[in-house]
Amino acid sequence: MNNISLTVKIERAISELRRGGKLVISDNNTGYSVLLVASELIHDDTIEELSKLARSRPNIILSQNRCRALGIRDASEPCSVLINNSWSINDILSLCMPLTGHEIPKLDGVLPESNQGIVSSCILLLRQSRLLPAGLMAIISSVSIEKINKWTFRNNLIHVNVSDIKSYEKISANSLIMEVK
């Protein structure tokens, strides 16, 4: 894929995230695909929609810095948090960002994630979208990596690969020009 096509593809994915849409992200190395939604744009039905579409329960993904702010020990990488069925939208949002007057819920399940994995790529894409580096992510359990493009098309979703996100970051960095006055 050339740089222009890649840029258009990722910019379209960024626009989808910014408007509150769902995005499919795949990692060919691991064979996993996930649905991603930006945390600050979730609504009452988001968890149910993600669960139904992906056929798995979503987790909250958090950047390394947010994990540290929440007091999660050994936060040397991003993490994912299991969502408790009793949590409200504000409980979920309070984990993603400080909410005035709302207590952070008790965390029962925190999973460390790799700095090189699909969660890191999701967080990178959220940052590139100028959104909070936190979101809801559900593993697409019912579709193999070989069939994910057709599934994505059938469900009217945008699909990007981890390698596309990393390439876009390099292209964006290389296009910066230092201007001296």
C-alpha atoms as a PDB file:
ATOM      1  CA  MET A   1       0.000   0.000   0.000  1.00  0.00           C
ATOM      2  CA  ASN A   2       1.425   3.408  -0.905  1.00  0.00           C
ATOM      3  CA  ASN A   3       1.724   6.244   1.597  1.00  0.00           C
ATOM      4  CA  ILE A   4      -1.267   8.180   0.249  1.00  0.00           C
ATOM      5  CA  SER A   5      -3.606   5.169   0.410  1.00  0.00           C
ATOM      6  CA  LEU A   6      -2.376   4.290   3.881  1.00  0.00           C
ATOM      7  CA  THR A   7      -2.856   7.868   5.088  1.00  0.00           C
ATOM      8  CA  VAL A   8      -6.409   8.011   3.688  1.00  0.00           C
ATOM      9  CA  LYS A   9      -7.247   4.649   5.302  1.00  0.00           C
ATOM     10  CA  ILE A  10      -5.976   5.657   8.755  1.00  0.00           C
ATOM     11  CA  GLU A  11      -7.481   9.169   8.552  1.00  0.00           C
ATOM     12  CA  ARG A  12     -10.845   7.551   7.781  1.00  0.00           C
ATOM     13  CA  ALA A  13     -10.420   5.251  10.796  1.00  0.00           C
ATOM     14  CA  ILE A  14      -9.536   8.273  12.955  1.00  0.00           C
ATOM     15  CA  SER A  15     -12.680  10.071  11.788  1.00  0.00           C
ATOM     16  CA  GLU A  16     -14.773   7.015  12.632  1.00  0.00           C
ATOM     17  CA  LEU A  17     -13.371   6.873  16.173  1.00  0.00           C
ATOM     18  CA  ARG A  18     -13.879  10.620  16.673  1.00  0.00           C
ATOM     19  CA  ARG A  19     -17.553  10.371  15.739  1.00  0.00           C
ATOM     20  CA  GLY A  20     -18.089   7.500  18.189  1.00  0.00           C
ATOM     21  CA  GLY A  21     -18.054   4.645  15.678  1.00  0.00           C
ATOM     22  CA  LYS A  22     -16.721   1.132  16.047  1.00  0.00           C
ATOM     23  CA  LEU A  23     -13.461   0.151  14.379  1.00  0.00           C
ATOM     24  CA  VAL A  24     -11.990  -3.287  13.619  1.00  0.00           C
ATOM     25  CA  ILE A  25      -8.262  -3.677  14.253  1.00  0.00           C
ATOM     26  CA  SER A  26      -6.430  -6.871  13.284  1.00  0.00           C
ATOM     27  CA  ASP A  27      -3.007  -8.253  14.071  1.00  0.00           C
ATOM     28  CA  ASN A  28      -1.834 -10.755  11.465  1.00  0.00           C
ATOM     29  CA  ASN A  29       1.015 -11.915  13.731  1.00  0.00           C
ATOM     30  CA  THR A  30      -1.309 -13.098  16.500  1.00  0.00           C
ATOM     31  CA  GLY A  31      -4.397 -13.789  14.399  1.00  0.00           C
ATOM     32  CA  TYR A  32      -6.596 -11.593  16.631  1.00  0.00           C
ATOM     33  CA  SER A  33      -9.091  -8.972  15.565  1.00  0.00           C
ATOM     34  CA  VAL A  34     -10.839  -6.593  17.952  1.00  0.00           C
ATOM     35  CA  LEU A  35     -13.630  -4.037  17.963  1.00  0.00           C
ATOM     36  CA  LEU A  36     -12.591  -0.670  19.403  1.00  0.00           C
ATOM     37  CA  VAL A  37     -14.670   2.277  20.643  1.00  0.00           C
ATOM     38  CA  ALA A  38     -13.279   5.493  22.162  1.00  0.00           C
ATOM     39  CA  SER A  39     -14.018   5.689  25.879  1.00  0.00           C
ATOM     40  CA  GLU A  40     -15.371   9.231  26.024  1.00  0.00           C
ATOM     41  CA  LEU A  41     -17.940   8.459  23.324  1.00  0.00           C
ATOM     42  CA  ILE A  42     -19.579   5.402  24.903  1.00  0.00           C
ATOM     43  CA  HIS A  43     -23.286   5.338  25.701  1.00  0.00           C
ATOM     44  CA  ASP A  44     -25.661   3.094  27.630  1.00  0.00           C
ATOM     45  CA  ASP A  45     -25.841   0.437  24.892  1.00  0.00           C
ATOM     46  CA  THR A  46     -22.138   0.312  23.929  1.00  0.00           C
ATOM     47  CA  ILE A  47     -21.219  -2.755  25.982  1.00  0.00           C
ATOM     48  CA  GLU A  48     -24.227  -4.699  24.710  1.00  0.00           C
ATOM     49  CA  GLU A  49     -23.529  -3.687  21.076  1.00  0.00           C
ATOM     50  CA  LEU A  50     -19.866  -4.694  21.295  1.00  0.00           C
ATOM     51  CA  SER A  51     -20.706  -7.984  23.029  1.00  0.00           C
ATOM     52  CA  LYS A  52     -23.330  -8.906  20.450  1.00  0.00           C
ATOM     53  CA  LEU A  53     -21.197  -8.007  17.436  1.00  0.00           C
ATOM     54  CA  ALA A  54     -17.885  -9.457  18.664  1.00  0.00           C
ATOM     55  CA  ARG A  55     -19.439 -12.332  20.619  1.00  0.00           C
ATOM     56  CA  SER A  56     -17.177 -11.553  23.555  1.00  0.00           C
ATOM     57  CA  ARG A  57     -17.348  -9.240  26.542  1.00  0.00           C
ATOM     58  CA  PRO A  58     -15.451  -5.960  26.078  1.00  0.00           C
ATOM     59  CA  ASN A  59     -12.652  -4.785  28.357  1.00  0.00           C
ATOM     60  CA  ILE A  60     -11.532  -1.278  29.154  1.00  0.00           C
ATOM     61  CA  ILE A  61      -8.075  -0.589  27.747  1.00  0.00           C
ATOM     62  CA  LEU A  62      -5.927   2.008  29.487  1.00  0.00           C
ATOM     63  CA  SER A  63      -2.596   3.631  28.754  1.00  0.00           C
ATOM     64  CA  GLN A  64       0.391   3.003  30.978  1.00  0.00           C
ATOM     65  CA  ASN A  65       0.072   6.520  32.444  1.00  0.00           C
ATOM     66  CA  ARG A  66      -3.609   6.059  33.331  1.00  0.00           C
ATOM     67  CA  CYS A  67      -2.816   2.696  34.948  1.00  0.00           C
ATOM     68  CA  ARG A  68      -0.238   4.447  37.132  1.00  0.00           C
ATOM     69  CA  ALA A  69      -2.700   7.236  37.999  1.00  0.00           C
ATOM     70  CA  LEU A  70      -5.195   4.587  39.154  1.00  0.00           C
ATOM     71  CA  GLY A  71      -2.532   3.049  41.403  1.00  0.00           C
ATOM     72  CA  ILE A  72      -2.208  -0.191  39.458  1.00  0.00           C
ATOM     73  CA  ARG A  73       1.052  -1.656  40.613  1.00  0.00           C
ATOM     74  CA  ASP A  74       3.724  -2.627  38.115  1.00  0.00           C
ATOM     75  CA  ALA A  75       2.207  -0.367  35.440  1.00  0.00           C
ATOM     76  CA  SER A  76       5.108  -0.562  33.020  1.00  0.00           C
ATOM     77  CA  GLU A  77       2.799  -1.176  30.076  1.00  0.00           C
ATOM     78  CA  PRO A  78      -0.826  -0.638  29.068  1.00  0.00           C
ATOM     79  CA  CYS A  79      -3.480  -2.740  30.741  1.00  0.00           C
ATOM     80  CA  SER A  80      -7.006  -3.958  30.204  1.00  0.00           C
ATOM     81  CA  VAL A  81      -9.643  -4.042  32.907  1.00  0.00           C
ATOM     82  CA  LEU A  82     -12.482  -6.537  33.119  1.00  0.00           C
ATOM     83  CA  ILE A  83     -15.831  -4.726  33.203  1.00  0.00           C
ATOM     84  CA  ASN A  84     -18.010  -5.589  36.168  1.00  0.00           C
ATOM     85  CA  ASN A  85     -21.665  -6.187  35.215  1.00  0.00           C
ATOM     86  CA  SER A  86     -22.843  -3.814  37.944  1.00  0.00           C
ATOM     87  CA  TRP A  87     -20.795  -0.836  36.707  1.00  0.00           C
ATOM     88  CA  SER A  88     -22.522   2.219  35.281  1.00  0.00           C
ATOM     89  CA  ILE A  89     -21.271   4.318  32.373  1.00  0.00           C
ATOM     90  CA  ASN A  90     -19.835   6.761  34.927  1.00  0.00           C
ATOM     91  CA  ASP A  91     -17.956   3.930  36.653  1.00  0.00           C
ATOM     92  CA  ILE A  92     -16.349   3.018  33.328  1.00  0.00           C
ATOM     93  CA  LEU A  93     -15.623   6.652  32.473  1.00  0.00           C
ATOM     94  CA  SER A  94     -14.065   7.265  35.904  1.00  0.00           C
ATOM     95  CA  LEU A  95     -11.482   4.611  35.117  1.00  0.00           C
ATOM     96  CA  CYS A  96     -10.668   6.281  31.795  1.00  0.00           C
ATOM     97  CA  MET A  97     -10.541   9.863  33.066  1.00  0.00           C
ATOM     98  CA  PRO A  98     -10.989  11.703  36.358  1.00  0.00           C
ATOM     99  CA  LEU A  99     -14.663  12.483  37.018  1.00  0.00           C
ATOM    100  CA  THR A 100     -15.450  15.110  39.638  1.00  0.00           C
ATOM    101  CA  GLY A 101     -17.434  13.666  42.499  1.00  0.00           C
ATOM    102  CA  HIS A 102     -17.415  10.094  41.223  1.00  0.00           C
ATOM    103  CA  GLU A 103     -15.604   7.355  43.083  1.00  0.00           C
ATOM    104  CA  ILE A 104     -13.445   4.959  41.073  1.00  0.00           C
ATOM    105  CA  PRO A 105     -14.929   1.444  41.239  1.00  0.00           C
ATOM    106  CA  LYS A 106     -13.053  -1.466  42.787  1.00  0.00           C
ATOM    107  CA  LEU A 107     -10.962  -3.306  40.208  1.00  0.00           C
ATOM    108  CA  ASP A 108     -11.240  -7.093  40.286  1.00  0.00           C
ATOM    109  CA  GLY A 109      -9.415  -8.042  37.095  1.00  0.00           C
ATOM    110  CA  VAL A 110      -6.496  -6.113  35.598  1.00  0.00           C
ATOM    111  CA  LEU A 111      -4.494  -7.681  32.792  1.00  0.00           C
ATOM    112  CA  PRO A 112      -1.075  -6.324  31.776  1.00  0.00           C
ATOM    113  CA  GLU A 113      -0.765  -5.886  28.011  1.00  0.00           C
ATOM    114  CA  SER A 114       2.319  -5.851  25.817  1.00  0.00           C
ATOM    115  CA  ASN A 115       3.832  -2.583  24.610  1.00  0.00           C
ATOM    116  CA  GLN A 116       3.972  -4.182  21.151  1.00  0.00           C
ATOM    117  CA  GLY A 117       0.550  -5.810  21.016  1.00  0.00           C
ATOM    118  CA  ILE A 118      -2.858  -4.981  19.638  1.00  0.00           C
ATOM    119  CA  VAL A 119      -3.843  -3.011  22.778  1.00  0.00           C
ATOM    120  CA  SER A 120      -0.851  -0.682  22.327  1.00  0.00           C
ATOM    121  CA  SER A 121      -1.832  -0.156  18.700  1.00  0.00           C
ATOM    122  CA  CYS A 122      -5.408   0.662  19.741  1.00  0.00           C
ATOM    123  CA  ILE A 123      -4.126   3.201  22.278  1.00  0.00           C
ATOM    124  CA  LEU A 124      -1.757   4.676  19.677  1.00  0.00           C
ATOM    125  CA  LEU A 125      -4.649   5.106  17.235  1.00  0.00           C
ATOM    126  CA  LEU A 126      -6.767   6.757  19.952  1.00  0.00           C
ATOM    127  CA  ARG A 127      -3.886   9.176  20.638  1.00  0.00           C
ATOM    128  CA  GLN A 128      -3.497   9.889  16.921  1.00  0.00           C
ATOM    129  CA  SER A 129      -7.240  10.643  16.931  1.00  0.00           C
ATOM    130  CA  ARG A 130      -6.667  13.206  19.703  1.00  0.00           C
ATOM    131  CA  LEU A 131      -8.922  11.205  22.002  1.00  0.00           C
ATOM    132  CA  LEU A 132      -8.250   9.863  25.463  1.00  0.00           C
ATOM    133  CA  PRO A 133      -5.791   6.945  25.310  1.00  0.00           C
ATOM    134  CA  ALA A 134      -8.504   4.671  26.703  1.00  0.00           C
ATOM    135  CA  GLY A 135     -11.327   2.737  25.119  1.00  0.00           C
ATOM    136  CA  LEU A 136     -13.531  -0.310  25.097  1.00  0.00           C
ATOM    137  CA  MET A 137     -12.165  -3.271  23.189  1.00  0.00           C
ATOM    138  CA  ALA A 138     -13.790  -6.641  22.455  1.00  0.00           C
ATOM    139  CA  ILE A 139     -12.046  -9.589  20.825  1.00  0.00           C
ATOM    140  CA  ILE A 140     -13.927 -10.738  17.732  1.00  0.00           C
ATOM    141  CA  SER A 141     -14.133 -14.375  18.688  1.00  0.00           C
ATOM    142  CA  SER A 142     -16.346 -15.781  15.967  1.00  0.00           C
ATOM    143  CA  VAL A 143     -14.391 -14.748  12.850  1.00  0.00           C
ATOM    144  CA  SER A 144     -10.977 -15.963  11.723  1.00  0.00           C
ATOM    145  CA  ILE A 145      -8.332 -13.489  10.560  1.00  0.00           C
ATOM    146  CA  GLU A 146      -8.721 -14.834   7.006  1.00  0.00           C
ATOM    147  CA  LYS A 147     -12.422 -13.889   6.932  1.00  0.00           C
ATOM    148  CA  ILE A 148     -12.260 -10.603   8.857  1.00  0.00           C
ATOM    149  CA  ASN A 149     -12.335  -8.378   5.732  1.00  0.00           C
ATOM    150  CA  LYS A 150     -15.622  -9.896   4.524  1.00  0.00           C
ATOM    151  CA  TRP A 151     -17.120  -9.784   8.026  1.00  0.00           C
ATOM    152  CA  THR A 152     -16.087  -6.135   8.413  1.00  0.00           C
ATOM    153  CA  PHE A 153     -17.614  -5.230   5.041  1.00  0.00           C
ATOM    154  CA  ARG A 154     -20.877  -7.071   5.870  1.00  0.00           C
ATOM    155  CA  ASN A 155     -21.151  -5.168   9.155  1.00  0.00           C
ATOM    156  CA  ASN A 156     -20.329  -1.808   7.545  1.00  0.00           C
ATOM    157  CA  LEU A 157     -17.223  -1.264   9.687  1.00  0.00           C
ATOM    158  CA  ILE A 158     -13.796   0.170   8.936  1.00  0.00           C
ATOM    159  CA  HIS A 159     -10.898  -2.258   9.214  1.00  0.00           C
ATOM    160  CA  VAL A 160      -7.224  -1.439   9.800  1.00  0.00           C
ATOM    161  CA  ASN A 161      -4.253  -3.570  10.639  1.00  0.00           C
ATOM    162  CA  VAL A 162      -1.720  -3.075  13.438  1.00  0.00           C
ATOM    163  CA  SER A 163       1.009  -2.731  10.801  1.00  0.00           C
ATOM    164  CA  ASP A 164      -1.002   0.083   9.116  1.00  0.00           C
ATOM    165  CA  ILE A 165      -1.196   2.001  12.396  1.00  0.00           C
ATOM    166  CA  LYS A 166       2.551   1.676  13.012  1.00  0.00           C
ATOM    167  CA  SER A 167       3.382   2.663   9.414  1.00  0.00           C
ATOM    168  CA  TYR A 168       1.093   5.698   9.667  1.00  0.00           C
ATOM    169  CA  GLU A 169       2.919   6.822  12.800  1.00  0.00           C
ATOM    170  CA  LYS A 170       6.261   6.690  10.946  1.00  0.00           C
ATOM    171  CA  ILE A 171       4.872   8.492   7.884  1.00  0.00           C
ATOM    172  CA  SER A 172       3.367  11.209  10.085  1.00  0.00           C
ATOM    173  CA  ALA A 173       6.621  11.664  12.002  1.00  0.00           C
ATOM    174  CA  ASN A 174       8.656  11.836   8.791  1.00  0.00           C
ATOM    175  CA  SER A 175       6.346  14.463   7.292  1.00  0.00           C
ATOM    176  CA  LEU A 176       6.997  16.938  10.122  1.00  0.00           C
ATOM    177  CA  ILE A 177       9.111  19.903   9.075  1.00  0.00           C
ATOM    178  CA  MET A 178      11.069  22.041  11.499  1.00  0.00           C
ATOM    179  CA  GLU A 179      10.678  25.684  10.604  1.00  0.00           C
ATOM    180  CA  VAL A 180      13.260  28.214  11.685  1.00  0.00           C
ATOM    181  CA  LYS A 181      12.367  31.900  11.853  1.00  0.00           C
END
